[in-house]
Amino acid sequence: MKMVLVSGAVLGWMVPKALAHGVDLRYEPQQVIRITAKYDSGQPLADARVQVFAPDRPQAAVISGTTNAQGEFQFVPDRPGQWQVQVRQAGHGGWLTIPVAPQGQTTTAAAIAVAPRVPTTLSLSQYTPAQITVMVLAVLWGAIGTACFAWSRRRVEVE
């Protein structure tokens, strides 16, 4: 019996520790921001380009990516402040302003402010009658000028 114990102790001492695998599991709670982008019809904006701008770096996106098939995108802000998020796809999209509270405080859903919605489609109803008149006159002026230029070029005879 003594021999078995001694042999076991010697083998235990000689076997490298690499044969045993330990697992180190840790977690760190973080505030994840999940964005959902959809058309007015409810269809998700799948594969839309997403750019996230940090509060102290509004000129350059710090996170870029695309939405998934459900129009969702997630990111973890690393500092408090007003984060700007731009979602775009084929001329459609918009901006979000997401307030992120300092660590230890919670950002409630009521505190999340959505930036004023930028119209993504053009409609004549958003222009005044004066603006519509100026646009029509500009198009007519351009068409008349182009026609006069083309007509004058046809009358010049080459000798």
Protein backbone atom coordinates (compact mmCIF):
# COMPACT_ATOMS: atom_id res chain seq x y z
CA MET A 1 0.00 0.00 0.00
CA LYS A 2 2.84 2.34 0.81
CA MET A 3 4.32 1.64 -2.60
CA VAL A 4 1.11 2.60 -4.34
CA LEU A 5 0.90 5.90 -2.47
CA VAL A 6 4.51 6.75 -3.17
CA SER A 7 4.11 5.85 -6.84
CA GLY A 8 0.98 7.95 -7.08
CA ALA A 9 2.70 10.92 -5.44
CA VAL A 10 5.71 10.63 -7.75
CA LEU A 11 3.52 10.34 -10.84
CA GLY A 12 1.42 13.29 -9.72
CA TRP A 13 4.52 15.36 -9.26
CA MET A 14 5.99 14.33 -12.64
CA VAL A 15 2.89 14.82 -14.77
CA PRO A 16 2.95 18.28 -16.25
CA LYS A 17 0.13 20.57 -15.41
CA ALA A 18 -0.66 21.01 -19.12
CA LEU A 19 -2.58 17.75 -19.14
CA ALA A 20 -5.26 19.28 -16.99
CA HIS A 21 -7.38 22.04 -18.49
CA GLY A 22 -9.00 24.50 -16.25
CA VAL A 23 -11.65 26.90 -17.35
CA ASP A 24 -11.68 30.51 -16.31
CA LEU A 25 -15.11 32.02 -16.77
CA ARG A 26 -15.73 35.66 -16.12
CA TYR A 27 -18.33 38.18 -17.01
CA GLU A 28 -18.45 41.89 -17.17
CA PRO A 29 -21.84 43.59 -17.35
CA GLN A 30 -21.94 46.16 -20.11
CA GLN A 31 -24.57 48.40 -21.54
CA VAL A 32 -25.34 47.17 -25.04
CA ILE A 33 -27.18 49.46 -27.41
CA ARG A 34 -29.35 47.60 -29.92
CA ILE A 35 -30.70 49.48 -32.90
CA THR A 36 -33.54 48.28 -35.07
CA ALA A 37 -33.98 49.87 -38.49
CA LYS A 38 -37.16 49.37 -40.53
CA TYR A 39 -38.91 51.02 -43.45
CA ASP A 40 -42.26 52.69 -42.86
CA SER A 41 -43.89 49.51 -44.18
CA GLY A 42 -42.30 47.50 -41.36
CA GLN A 43 -39.81 45.73 -43.62
CA PRO A 44 -36.40 45.58 -41.93
CA LEU A 45 -33.45 47.48 -43.39
CA ALA A 46 -31.30 44.40 -43.91
CA ASP A 47 -27.61 44.93 -44.71
CA ALA A 48 -27.87 48.69 -44.14
CA ARG A 49 -24.66 50.55 -43.40
CA VAL A 50 -24.34 51.69 -39.78
CA GLN A 51 -21.83 54.25 -38.52
CA VAL A 52 -21.49 55.10 -34.84
CA PHE A 53 -19.92 58.40 -33.75
CA ALA A 54 -18.57 58.83 -30.22
CA PRO A 55 -19.48 61.96 -28.21
CA ASP A 56 -15.92 63.28 -28.35
CA ARG A 57 -15.27 62.29 -31.99
CA PRO A 58 -18.25 63.45 -34.06
CA GLN A 59 -16.21 63.76 -37.28
CA ALA A 60 -15.16 60.12 -37.68
CA ALA A 61 -17.09 56.93 -37.07
CA VAL A 62 -15.61 54.82 -34.28
CA ILE A 63 -17.75 51.78 -35.12
CA SER A 64 -18.95 50.72 -38.56
CA GLY A 65 -20.92 47.73 -39.70
CA THR A 66 -24.13 46.52 -41.27
CA THR A 67 -27.50 45.51 -39.92
CA ASN A 68 -28.50 41.88 -39.90
CA ALA A 69 -31.47 40.38 -41.78
CA GLN A 70 -33.85 41.73 -39.11
CA GLY A 71 -32.41 45.26 -39.45
CA GLU A 72 -30.65 45.04 -36.07
CA PHE A 73 -27.24 46.30 -35.02
CA GLN A 74 -25.57 46.29 -31.60
CA PHE A 75 -22.66 48.13 -30.11
CA VAL A 76 -21.19 48.74 -26.67
CA PRO A 77 -20.46 52.39 -25.88
CA ASP A 78 -17.29 52.82 -23.86
CA ARG A 79 -17.93 56.32 -22.53
CA PRO A 80 -20.87 58.45 -21.47
CA GLY A 81 -22.31 61.18 -23.65
CA GLN A 82 -24.45 61.71 -26.72
CA TRP A 83 -23.68 58.98 -29.27
CA GLN A 84 -24.73 59.58 -32.86
CA VAL A 85 -25.75 56.66 -35.07
CA GLN A 86 -26.34 56.86 -38.80
CA VAL A 87 -28.14 54.09 -40.69
CA ARG A 88 -28.21 54.25 -44.50
CA GLN A 89 -29.23 52.04 -47.36
CA ALA A 90 -29.81 53.06 -50.98
CA GLY A 91 -30.83 56.64 -50.21
CA HIS A 92 -32.91 55.71 -47.16
CA GLY A 93 -31.91 56.08 -43.56
CA GLY A 94 -31.63 58.45 -40.68
CA TRP A 95 -29.82 59.55 -37.54
CA LEU A 96 -30.27 58.62 -33.90
CA THR A 97 -28.94 60.42 -30.84
CA ILE A 98 -28.47 58.01 -27.96
CA PRO A 99 -27.62 59.40 -24.50
CA VAL A 100 -25.34 57.08 -22.55
CA ALA A 101 -25.22 57.57 -18.79
CA PRO A 102 -21.97 57.42 -16.81
CA GLN A 103 -21.07 54.00 -15.47
CA GLY A 104 -23.05 53.09 -12.41
CA GLN A 105 -26.10 54.97 -13.61
CA THR A 106 -28.73 53.53 -15.87
CA THR A 107 -29.99 55.00 -19.07
CA THR A 108 -33.71 54.56 -18.97
CA ALA A 109 -35.75 54.16 -22.07
CA ALA A 110 -37.39 57.49 -21.32
CA ALA A 111 -34.01 59.21 -21.43
CA ILE A 112 -33.26 57.99 -24.90
CA ALA A 113 -34.01 60.84 -27.19
CA VAL A 114 -34.51 60.33 -30.85
CA ALA A 115 -33.17 63.07 -33.07
CA PRO A 116 -35.66 64.90 -35.25
CA ARG A 117 -36.58 62.71 -38.13
CA VAL A 118 -34.96 63.68 -41.39
CA PRO A 119 -37.28 63.21 -44.35
CA THR A 120 -35.92 60.38 -46.45
CA THR A 121 -38.23 60.81 -49.42
CA LEU A 122 -38.84 63.88 -51.47
CA SER A 123 -42.30 65.27 -51.92
CA LEU A 124 -43.53 68.53 -53.38
CA SER A 125 -45.64 69.03 -50.27
CA GLN A 126 -42.54 69.91 -48.25
CA TYR A 127 -41.81 72.96 -50.47
CA THR A 128 -43.56 76.30 -50.51
CA PRO A 129 -45.35 77.45 -53.69
CA ALA A 130 -42.60 80.05 -54.24
CA GLN A 131 -39.92 77.34 -54.12
CA ILE A 132 -41.88 75.16 -56.55
CA THR A 133 -42.27 78.13 -58.94
CA VAL A 134 -38.51 78.83 -58.83
CA MET A 135 -37.73 75.15 -59.50
CA VAL A 136 -40.13 75.00 -62.48
CA LEU A 137 -38.71 78.23 -63.95
CA ALA A 138 -35.15 76.94 -63.51
CA VAL A 139 -35.98 73.73 -65.33
CA LEU A 140 -37.72 75.66 -68.14
CA TRP A 141 -34.82 78.09 -68.42
CA GLY A 142 -32.38 75.19 -68.66
CA ALA A 143 -34.47 73.42 -71.29
CA ILE A 144 -34.87 76.58 -73.39
CA GLY A 145 -31.14 77.35 -73.12
CA THR A 146 -30.20 73.82 -74.15
CA ALA A 147 -32.61 73.92 -77.13
CA CYS A 148 -31.26 77.32 -78.27
CA PHE A 149 -27.68 76.05 -78.02
CA ALA A 150 -28.48 72.93 -80.06
CA TRP A 151 -30.45 74.96 -82.66
CA SER A 152 -27.61 77.47 -83.07
CA ARG A 153 -25.07 74.68 -83.68
CA ARG A 154 -27.18 73.23 -86.49
CA ARG A 155 -27.30 76.53 -88.41
CA VAL A 156 -23.51 76.92 -88.61
CA GLU A 157 -22.37 75.70 -92.02
CA VAL A 158 -18.99 74.14 -92.37
CA GLU A 159 -17.02 75.46 -95.34
